[in-house]
Structures are given as structure tokens and as C-alpha cells.
Amino acid sequence: MEGGEEVKKHVKMLQLAGVQSLLSNGGKEVPLSSIEGKMACLFFSAHWCRPCRNFTPKLVQIYTMLQTTGKNIEIIFISLDHDQTSFLDHFKSMPWLALPFNTSLRQKLCSHFGIEHIPALIPLSVTPSGALGFEGDAVKLVEEYGADAYPFSVKRRGELEAMDDARRQGGKLQELLGCKDRDYVISAEGIKISIADLTGKTVGLYFGAHWCPPCRAFTKQLMEVYNELKILRPGSFEVIFISIDRSKDEFQASLSAVPWLAIPYSDTTRQELTRIFAIKGIPALLILGLDGKVLKTDGRTAISTYGATAFPFTESRVSEVDEALRKEGDNLPRQVNDPRHGHELELDMAKAYVCDECQQKGRHWVFYCKQCNFDLHPSCVVESNVGSL
């Protein structure tokens, strides 16, 4: 049963708190009994609060969608504004009901529901014993799952998190990267590539954005590795761009500059993947193995540090490369004196450099001059001038 007796009890609770009636968006008085039989939520918010102003349009969209699909839901706005004018200015953007502006009454409700910050969305409920109760603040749940969060309960969160776990661990690329209406990813030219074509490949999920300077720097590194593997191991590696861009134009600018594929910008799968893999910062690169399951959650470090030599970017392969580099370093001198440069060169590790002798790119071990920014491949050192170990 959805609402019903539960909300009748909450109507009584609100009446005991001093609530006599509610207001519609048009300013008309609405009897408190109008919420009986509905799944009710209390929305604590204020016009002066920026997070509230950012969250309210999202909640409006979700509320409208739920109403359209037949969900019997009602929201009651409880204003924490400083005055009546601010309350009305904030309320005019909301399609639901509101508690009349009353500072004494709202203090009672804030105390009863333990409101410590806003926005707060409190779904009303009844405990198994039949006592009056309420679910925890559902704002984060709504932000993460949208309309799928309905009815905003702890039980529903558990169900949604279980679904996320199944997608993350299931090894099924279509379920992870696709959706009901899309079984493909796109190229910069808008060509649709079947997700099934990714089966049997190592796949990198690249979370990035055009506006992010670190992303632009890492994109160059990733492109070098991508193009190198395209030659050395054709068909073995693919990258899927998961855009965190702020507009479709930014997304197109990001995609047009790279050779790989992407989730369409209009697809909510982008946000779902960000949530499923708990992406907190960009750039981020997750590596999926041949079975479609996550091999490495920090592909960015593997790419930046070891390049294509670490492919397929498993923990074991990264350890092998790291050990090989350590042994190589152990067999190199700490300093050298090369006749083509007047200063002593010291051994160091660099992610990338250009050798001043052969003009070829280098990675990892380098002999360099602190004073002149001079770099030399270990293989380019004149052996007769090598110093002591």
C-alpha cells in the first residue's frame, strides 16, 4: 500500500505540530487532508541557499516525471527563508504544496525531523511497529538516481546499489555501456559502433572534460599509447570517452580531437557510470579486461608512468614492467660525463622527454643536466666516458 494509513498518521502529526492547512502554488489554501493517500515528502529549502536553488529544478523535473507516470506523490515545501517575500519568490518555481510561512512552526518541524542542513528531502513513513517515523534525508539519493530513487527509502537505495554492483561486476558490456534504446557507442563523426564489437578487447573508460587542463594533458599521453598499440597490437585496445563536459559543444570539441569512441552526450549512462565507479575527480581511466570486468581502477597512473609497455594494464603486468625498470636502473651508473656536454649528467626517472642527442622521445631512465635541462638516452651515452656505478 502506497501512502494510505501511513500518511493519515502523518497528517495527524502535522496537525499536532500546529499545521492547519497548506498552500498551492497559486496561493490558494489547501486542506491538510489533501495529502491523505499519497506518498508524502517534506522539502526543507530556502531561496538564499545556493545548493537549494541548484537542487530545486532537479526535484521539479523528477516530481513532474513521477506525476506523469502515475506515481501518487506529494511534496510539501517548508521554507527556511528570512521573510515572506523570499518564501514566495522561492515557492513560485515549485509545482507542489507548501507550508504557510511560519518561523515558529518550521522550527518545530526542523527539530522533530533533525534538520541540520538544507536542502533536505524527508520521505514520511511508519515504522514496523506502527509508530510515526521518517526515512533519512533523500537529497543525495535523488541527485544520484533521479526518478529511479522513488519512493526515496532506505530499502530503495539498497536495491539501486545492488543493481549498480551487478552492472559493475557483471562483465556484460552492453549492460554497462548501453541502455534499453542504445546498443552502440559513437565516433567523432557520429558513426555508430556496436558495443558487441568491443568484446574480446581491453577497454579503457576515460572520464574527462574539455574544460579541464589536466584532462587535456593526459589526453595527449593516452593518444600516444592508443596510437602505439594500434600499430603494435591492432584491435586489442579501445577507449570509450565518458564526458563530464558542461555542454554538447564542449563534448564535441573533446571528441573531435581524439581517435576513440564515446557514450553519446545526451545519454544518462554517462552519469550512471560516474556514479557506479564512484568517480570523484578527472581525468580518470578505468581499465576493463577481456571479460568486461575492471582490471585496474587507476589506469591513468599506469599510462602516465609506463605507457604502452604496461599493456594490458593488469596489476601483474605493471609489476613486471616496474621490476624490469628497477633492474635496468640498477645496471646503470649514477652519473656520466659525456664529451657532447660540459656538465656531469645524473641518472633520473622521467615520464617523458626528448633526447638532445638523437632527438627521439624517451621514457623512464634518463641522464640529465640540472643546470642546462639537457637529456640523454642511456643508449646514447658514449660508453668510454661512463662514470662509476
Protein backbone atom coordinates (compact mmCIF):
# COMPACT_ATOMS: atom_id res chain seq x y z
CA MET A 1 0.00 0.00 0.00
CA GLU A 2 1.43 3.36 -1.01
CA GLY A 3 0.58 6.27 1.32
CA GLY A 4 -2.83 5.43 2.84
CA GLU A 5 -2.87 4.88 6.57
CA GLU A 6 0.76 5.93 6.88
CA VAL A 7 0.13 9.44 5.61
CA LYS A 8 -3.08 9.73 7.64
CA LYS A 9 -0.90 9.30 10.71
CA HIS A 10 1.49 11.96 9.45
CA VAL A 11 -1.41 14.31 8.80
CA LYS A 12 -2.27 13.94 12.49
CA MET A 13 1.37 14.51 13.41
CA LEU A 14 1.48 17.71 11.34
CA GLN A 15 -1.78 18.82 12.92
CA LEU A 16 -0.33 18.25 16.39
CA ALA A 17 2.65 20.35 15.36
CA GLY A 18 0.24 23.17 14.56
CA VAL A 19 -0.16 22.79 10.81
CA GLN A 20 -3.74 23.67 9.85
CA SER A 21 -3.55 23.92 6.06
CA LEU A 22 -1.18 24.09 3.09
CA LEU A 23 -0.74 26.43 0.14
CA SER A 24 -0.91 25.59 -3.53
CA ASN A 25 1.50 27.14 -6.00
CA GLY A 26 -1.24 29.59 -6.96
CA GLY A 27 -1.52 30.81 -3.37
CA LYS A 28 -4.79 29.08 -2.57
CA GLU A 29 -5.34 27.45 0.81
CA VAL A 30 -5.44 23.64 0.61
CA PRO A 31 -6.73 21.41 3.43
CA LEU A 32 -4.12 19.22 5.07
CA SER A 33 -6.28 16.20 4.29
CA SER A 34 -5.42 16.63 0.58
CA ILE A 35 -2.20 14.65 1.09
CA GLU A 36 -4.02 11.62 2.51
CA GLY A 37 -3.49 8.53 0.38
CA LYS A 38 -0.29 9.94 -1.15
CA MET A 39 3.38 9.19 -0.64
CA ALA A 40 4.46 12.45 1.04
CA CYS A 41 7.86 14.15 1.39
CA LEU A 42 8.82 17.28 3.31
CA PHE A 43 11.19 19.58 1.40
CA PHE A 44 13.20 21.94 3.61
CA SER A 45 14.74 24.68 1.48
CA ALA A 46 15.41 28.44 1.21
CA HIS A 47 15.89 30.95 -1.58
CA TRP A 48 19.12 32.30 -0.03
CA CYS A 49 20.71 28.83 -0.18
CA ARG A 50 22.63 28.19 -3.42
CA PRO A 51 22.59 24.36 -3.10
CA CYS A 52 18.80 24.64 -2.65
CA ARG A 53 18.44 26.72 -5.80
CA ASN A 54 20.56 24.18 -7.70
CA PHE A 55 18.66 21.17 -6.37
CA THR A 56 15.11 22.51 -6.74
CA PRO A 57 14.96 22.37 -10.58
CA LYS A 58 16.15 18.74 -10.47
CA LEU A 59 13.45 17.89 -7.94
CA VAL A 60 10.82 19.68 -10.05
CA GLN A 61 11.81 17.61 -13.08
CA ILE A 62 11.65 14.36 -11.09
CA TYR A 63 8.34 15.28 -9.43
CA THR A 64 6.78 16.10 -12.81
CA MET A 65 8.04 12.83 -14.29
CA LEU A 66 6.67 10.81 -11.37
CA GLN A 67 3.30 12.56 -11.60
CA THR A 68 3.19 11.87 -15.35
CA THR A 69 3.85 8.17 -14.82
CA GLY A 70 1.06 7.85 -12.27
CA LYS A 71 3.03 7.91 -9.01
CA ASN A 72 0.83 9.20 -6.18
CA ILE A 73 3.40 11.55 -4.64
CA GLU A 74 3.15 14.92 -2.93
CA ILE A 75 5.87 17.24 -1.70
CA ILE A 76 5.40 19.87 1.00
CA PHE A 77 7.81 22.80 0.91
CA ILE A 78 8.92 24.06 4.31
CA SER A 79 10.64 27.39 3.91
CA LEU A 80 13.70 28.44 5.88
CA ASP A 81 13.68 31.84 4.20
CA HIS A 82 14.14 35.03 6.19
CA ASP A 83 10.86 36.67 5.15
CA GLN A 84 7.55 36.13 3.39
CA THR A 85 8.70 37.76 0.15
CA SER A 86 11.70 35.43 -0.20
CA PHE A 87 9.48 32.45 0.62
CA LEU A 88 7.03 33.35 -2.16
CA ASP A 89 9.85 34.06 -4.62
CA HIS A 90 11.30 30.58 -3.98
CA PHE A 91 7.91 28.84 -3.94
CA LYS A 92 6.82 30.18 -7.35
CA SER A 93 9.25 27.77 -9.05
CA MET A 94 7.70 24.73 -7.35
CA PRO A 95 4.66 22.75 -8.61
CA TRP A 96 3.87 21.16 -5.23
CA LEU A 97 2.36 22.35 -1.94
CA ALA A 98 3.90 24.45 0.80
CA LEU A 99 3.55 25.10 4.50
CA PRO A 100 2.44 28.72 5.04
CA PHE A 101 5.38 30.90 6.10
CA ASN A 102 5.64 30.50 9.86
CA THR A 103 9.02 30.67 11.62
CA SER A 104 7.77 29.13 14.86
CA LEU A 105 6.16 26.16 13.11
CA ARG A 106 9.16 25.46 10.91
CA GLN A 107 11.43 25.41 13.97
CA LYS A 108 9.24 22.70 15.47
CA LEU A 109 9.40 20.65 12.28
CA CYS A 110 13.17 21.15 11.88
CA SER A 111 13.65 19.95 15.44
CA HIS A 112 11.30 16.98 15.02
CA PHE A 113 12.99 15.79 11.81
CA GLY A 114 16.56 16.64 12.91
CA ILE A 115 17.23 19.06 10.04
CA GLU A 116 20.84 20.27 10.29
CA HIS A 117 21.39 21.45 6.72
CA ILE A 118 19.42 22.26 3.59
CA PRO A 119 18.23 21.26 1.11
CA ALA A 120 16.69 18.28 2.87
CA LEU A 121 14.05 15.93 1.47
CA ILE A 122 12.34 13.80 4.12
CA PRO A 123 10.05 10.94 2.98
CA LEU A 124 7.37 10.27 5.58
CA SER A 125 6.98 6.68 6.75
CA VAL A 126 5.69 4.43 9.50
CA THR A 127 7.90 2.06 11.47
CA PRO A 128 7.16 -1.71 11.53
CA SER A 129 5.61 -1.26 14.98
CA GLY A 130 3.16 1.27 13.54
CA ALA A 131 4.77 4.29 15.17
CA LEU A 132 5.33 7.54 13.28
CA GLY A 133 8.75 7.76 11.67
CA PHE A 134 10.57 9.02 8.64
CA GLU A 135 13.30 8.00 6.26
CA GLY A 136 16.65 9.80 6.21
CA ASP A 137 17.42 12.79 4.01
CA ALA A 138 16.90 11.68 0.38
CA VAL A 139 18.63 14.59 -1.39
CA LYS A 140 21.78 12.62 -2.21
CA LEU A 141 19.72 9.61 -3.30
CA VAL A 142 17.69 11.80 -5.68
CA GLU A 143 20.81 13.50 -7.05
CA GLU A 144 22.44 10.14 -7.77
CA TYR A 145 19.48 8.18 -9.15
CA GLY A 146 16.89 10.72 -10.27
CA ALA A 147 13.33 9.42 -10.66
CA ASP A 148 14.57 5.86 -10.15
CA ALA A 149 15.09 6.77 -6.48
CA TYR A 150 11.32 6.75 -5.85
CA PRO A 151 9.98 6.14 -3.20
CA PHE A 152 13.23 7.53 -1.71
CA SER A 153 13.52 4.90 1.01
CA VAL A 154 16.49 3.14 2.56
CA LYS A 155 15.17 -0.07 1.04
CA ARG A 156 15.12 1.52 -2.42
CA ARG A 157 18.71 2.72 -2.01
CA GLY A 158 19.75 -0.84 -1.24
CA GLU A 159 18.00 -2.10 -4.37
CA LEU A 160 19.64 0.54 -6.57
CA GLU A 161 23.10 -0.07 -5.13
CA ALA A 162 22.67 -3.80 -5.75
CA MET A 163 21.79 -3.03 -9.37
CA ASP A 164 24.91 -0.85 -9.67
CA ASP A 165 27.04 -3.66 -8.23
CA ALA A 166 25.60 -6.09 -10.76
CA ARG A 167 26.45 -3.78 -13.66
CA ARG A 168 29.94 -3.06 -12.32
CA GLN A 169 30.84 -6.68 -11.65
CA GLY A 170 28.76 -8.49 -14.26
CA GLY A 171 31.23 -8.31 -17.14
CA LYS A 172 28.46 -7.55 -19.64
CA LEU A 173 29.49 -4.59 -21.78
CA GLN A 174 26.01 -3.95 -23.17
CA GLU A 175 24.53 -3.67 -19.67
CA LEU A 176 27.42 -1.49 -18.54
CA LEU A 177 27.85 0.85 -21.52
CA GLY A 178 24.46 0.63 -23.23
CA CYS A 179 20.83 1.11 -22.34
CA LYS A 180 17.40 -0.05 -23.43
CA ASP A 181 17.38 2.16 -26.54
CA ARG A 182 21.11 2.10 -27.41
CA ASP A 183 23.45 -0.79 -28.16
CA TYR A 184 26.24 1.28 -29.67
CA VAL A 185 28.89 3.91 -28.97
CA ILE A 186 29.79 6.73 -31.36
CA SER A 187 32.86 8.07 -33.14
CA ALA A 188 33.72 11.74 -33.58
CA GLU A 189 32.00 11.61 -36.97
CA GLY A 190 28.82 10.26 -35.38
CA ILE A 191 29.31 6.73 -36.73
CA LYS A 192 27.60 4.12 -34.56
CA ILE A 193 29.85 1.26 -33.44
CA SER A 194 28.15 -1.77 -31.90
CA ILE A 195 29.08 -2.36 -28.25
CA ALA A 196 29.32 -6.05 -29.20
CA ASP A 197 32.37 -5.14 -31.31
CA LEU A 198 34.25 -4.33 -28.09
CA THR A 199 34.03 -7.92 -26.88
CA GLY A 200 37.46 -9.51 -26.51
CA LYS A 201 39.27 -6.17 -26.25
CA THR A 202 40.89 -4.38 -23.35
CA VAL A 203 38.71 -1.29 -22.88
CA GLY A 204 39.61 1.96 -21.17
CA LEU A 205 36.75 4.06 -19.77
CA TYR A 206 38.05 7.62 -19.91
CA PHE A 207 36.26 10.19 -17.74
CA GLY A 208 37.30 13.67 -18.81
CA ALA A 209 36.21 17.11 -20.00
CA HIS A 210 37.32 19.78 -22.46
CA TRP A 211 37.33 22.49 -19.76
CA CYS A 212 39.80 20.53 -17.57
CA PRO A 213 43.52 21.35 -18.17
CA PRO A 214 44.79 18.11 -16.55
CA CYS A 215 42.46 16.19 -18.88
CA ARG A 216 43.93 17.89 -21.94
CA ALA A 217 47.44 17.00 -20.77
CA PHE A 218 46.52 13.37 -20.07
CA THR A 219 44.62 13.05 -23.36
CA LYS A 220 47.92 13.63 -25.21
CA GLN A 221 49.59 10.83 -23.23
CA LEU A 222 46.66 8.49 -23.79
CA MET A 223 46.62 9.24 -27.52
CA GLU A 224 50.29 8.30 -27.82
CA VAL A 225 49.63 4.96 -26.12
CA TYR A 226 46.44 4.38 -28.11
CA ASN A 227 48.16 5.03 -31.44
CA GLU A 228 51.21 2.95 -30.47
CA LEU A 229 49.03 -0.03 -29.52
CA LYS A 230 47.04 0.39 -32.72
CA ILE A 231 50.26 -0.41 -34.59
CA LEU A 232 51.78 -2.96 -32.21
CA ARG A 233 48.58 -4.75 -31.18
CA PRO A 234 45.86 -3.86 -33.71
CA GLY A 235 42.32 -4.41 -32.47
CA SER A 236 43.37 -5.16 -28.91
CA PHE A 237 42.66 -1.86 -27.15
CA GLU A 238 39.79 0.63 -27.28
CA VAL A 239 38.95 3.75 -25.31
CA ILE A 240 35.42 4.92 -24.54
CA PHE A 241 35.09 8.58 -23.58
CA ILE A 242 32.70 9.32 -20.71
CA SER A 243 32.17 13.06 -20.95
CA ILE A 244 32.00 15.30 -17.89
CA ASP A 245 31.65 18.32 -20.19
CA ARG A 246 29.20 21.09 -19.36
CA SER A 247 27.61 21.32 -22.81
CA LYS A 248 27.22 19.35 -26.01
CA ASP A 249 29.53 21.81 -27.79
CA GLU A 250 32.29 21.09 -25.26
CA PHE A 251 31.64 17.38 -25.70
CA GLN A 252 32.01 17.68 -29.48
CA ALA A 253 35.23 19.67 -29.03
CA SER A 254 36.59 16.90 -26.78
CA LEU A 255 35.60 14.07 -29.12
CA SER A 256 36.71 15.75 -32.35
CA ALA A 257 40.29 15.91 -31.06
CA VAL A 258 40.66 12.18 -30.28
CA PRO A 259 40.62 8.91 -32.26
CA TRP A 260 38.47 6.87 -29.90
CA LEU A 261 34.77 6.34 -29.21
CA ALA A 262 32.25 7.82 -26.76
CA ILE A 263 28.95 7.41 -24.95
CA PRO A 264 26.52 9.93 -26.58
CA TYR A 265 26.33 13.18 -24.63
CA SER A 266 22.52 13.05 -24.31
CA ASP A 267 22.63 9.60 -22.72
CA THR A 268 22.21 9.32 -18.93
CA THR A 269 24.61 6.35 -18.99
CA ARG A 270 27.40 8.95 -18.62
CA GLN A 271 26.11 9.98 -15.20
CA GLU A 272 25.35 6.38 -14.25
CA LEU A 273 28.91 5.24 -14.96
CA THR A 274 30.29 8.16 -12.95
CA ARG A 275 28.15 7.01 -10.03
CA ILE A 276 28.74 3.27 -10.47
CA PHE A 277 32.53 3.69 -10.43
CA ALA A 278 32.49 6.47 -7.79
CA ILE A 279 34.46 8.91 -9.97
CA LYS A 280 35.45 11.80 -7.71
CA GLY A 281 37.92 13.62 -9.97
CA ILE A 282 39.07 13.82 -13.58
CA PRO A 283 40.91 12.75 -15.61
CA ALA A 284 40.19 9.16 -14.62
CA LEU A 285 40.81 5.99 -16.62
CA LEU A 286 39.35 2.61 -15.69
CA ILE A 287 40.63 -0.49 -17.46
CA LEU A 288 38.23 -3.33 -18.32
CA GLY A 289 39.73 -6.72 -19.13
CA LEU A 290 38.79 -9.18 -21.87
CA ASP A 291 35.95 -10.44 -19.66
CA GLY A 292 34.44 -6.96 -19.35
CA LYS A 293 35.34 -6.65 -15.67
CA VAL A 294 37.50 -3.97 -14.11
CA LEU A 295 41.20 -4.82 -14.15
CA LYS A 296 42.55 -1.56 -12.84
CA THR A 297 40.82 1.45 -11.35
CA ASP A 298 43.81 3.76 -11.80
CA GLY A 299 44.67 3.36 -15.46
CA ARG A 300 45.81 6.97 -15.58
CA THR A 301 48.91 6.22 -13.47
CA ALA A 302 49.72 3.09 -15.48
CA ILE A 303 49.51 5.02 -18.77
CA SER A 304 51.40 8.08 -17.50
CA THR A 305 54.18 6.08 -15.86
CA TYR A 306 54.71 3.10 -18.14
CA GLY A 307 52.98 3.88 -21.45
CA ALA A 308 52.17 1.09 -23.90
CA THR A 309 54.73 -1.26 -22.32
CA ALA A 310 52.28 -1.89 -19.47
CA PHE A 311 49.55 -3.24 -21.78
CA PRO A 312 47.14 -4.88 -20.96
CA PHE A 313 47.47 -2.83 -17.78
CA THR A 314 46.86 -5.64 -15.32
CA GLU A 315 48.39 -5.41 -11.86
CA SER A 316 50.73 -8.28 -12.69
CA ARG A 317 51.90 -6.66 -15.94
CA VAL A 318 52.50 -3.32 -14.23
CA SER A 319 54.55 -5.13 -11.57
CA GLU A 320 56.59 -6.88 -14.27
CA VAL A 321 57.36 -3.61 -16.03
CA ASP A 322 58.21 -1.91 -12.75
CA GLU A 323 60.59 -4.73 -11.80
CA ALA A 324 62.25 -4.69 -15.22
CA LEU A 325 62.78 -0.93 -14.95
CA ARG A 326 64.25 -1.32 -11.47
CA LYS A 327 66.73 -3.91 -12.71
CA GLU A 328 67.62 -1.72 -15.68
CA GLY A 329 68.28 1.19 -13.33
CA ASP A 330 70.42 -0.97 -11.07
CA ASN A 331 72.70 -1.70 -14.04
CA LEU A 332 73.14 1.95 -14.99
CA PRO A 333 75.75 4.33 -13.47
CA ARG A 334 74.55 7.12 -11.20
CA GLN A 335 76.49 9.79 -13.15
CA VAL A 336 78.18 10.04 -16.54
CA ASN A 337 80.48 12.54 -18.27
CA ASP A 338 79.71 12.78 -21.97
CA PRO A 339 82.02 14.74 -24.30
CA ARG A 340 79.00 16.30 -26.04
CA HIS A 341 78.07 18.15 -22.88
CA GLY A 342 80.22 20.12 -20.47
CA HIS A 343 78.49 19.16 -17.22
CA GLU A 344 78.11 15.92 -15.36
CA LEU A 345 74.86 14.07 -16.15
CA GLU A 346 72.87 12.33 -13.42
CA LEU A 347 70.61 9.31 -13.73
CA ASP A 348 66.93 10.01 -13.16
CA MET A 349 63.45 8.68 -13.97
CA ALA A 350 61.19 10.74 -16.27
CA LYS A 351 57.71 10.03 -17.60
CA ALA A 352 58.64 11.51 -20.97
CA TYR A 353 61.47 13.52 -22.53
CA VAL A 354 63.25 14.17 -25.83
CA CYS A 355 66.89 13.07 -26.10
CA ASP A 356 69.14 16.00 -27.04
CA GLU A 357 71.42 13.66 -28.99
CA CYS A 358 69.10 11.59 -31.20
CA GLN A 359 66.04 13.85 -30.89
CA GLN A 360 63.82 10.83 -30.21
CA LYS A 361 61.28 10.62 -27.44
CA GLY A 362 62.34 8.83 -24.30
CA ARG A 363 60.63 7.45 -21.23
CA HIS A 364 61.78 6.22 -17.83
CA TRP A 365 65.58 6.30 -17.34
CA VAL A 366 67.41 9.42 -18.49
CA PHE A 367 70.76 11.08 -17.90
CA TYR A 368 70.13 14.78 -17.39
CA CYS A 369 71.91 18.01 -16.54
CA LYS A 370 70.43 20.01 -13.68
CA GLN A 371 71.97 23.23 -14.98
CA CYS A 372 71.09 23.04 -18.68
CA ASN A 373 67.95 20.90 -18.93
CA PHE A 374 69.95 18.52 -21.13
CA ASP A 375 68.55 14.97 -21.53
CA LEU A 376 70.29 11.91 -22.91
CA HIS A 377 69.04 8.38 -23.56
CA PRO A 378 71.11 5.82 -21.66
CA SER A 379 71.71 4.15 -25.05
CA CYS A 380 73.11 7.42 -26.45
CA VAL A 381 75.81 7.81 -23.81
CA VAL A 382 79.38 7.41 -25.14
CA GLU A 383 80.45 4.27 -23.27
CA SER A 384 84.08 5.15 -22.86
CA ASN A 385 83.06 8.12 -20.75
CA VAL A 386 80.71 6.34 -18.41
CA GLY A 387 81.44 7.14 -14.78
CA SER A 388 81.48 4.76 -11.83
CA LEU A 389 78.39 2.97 -10.59
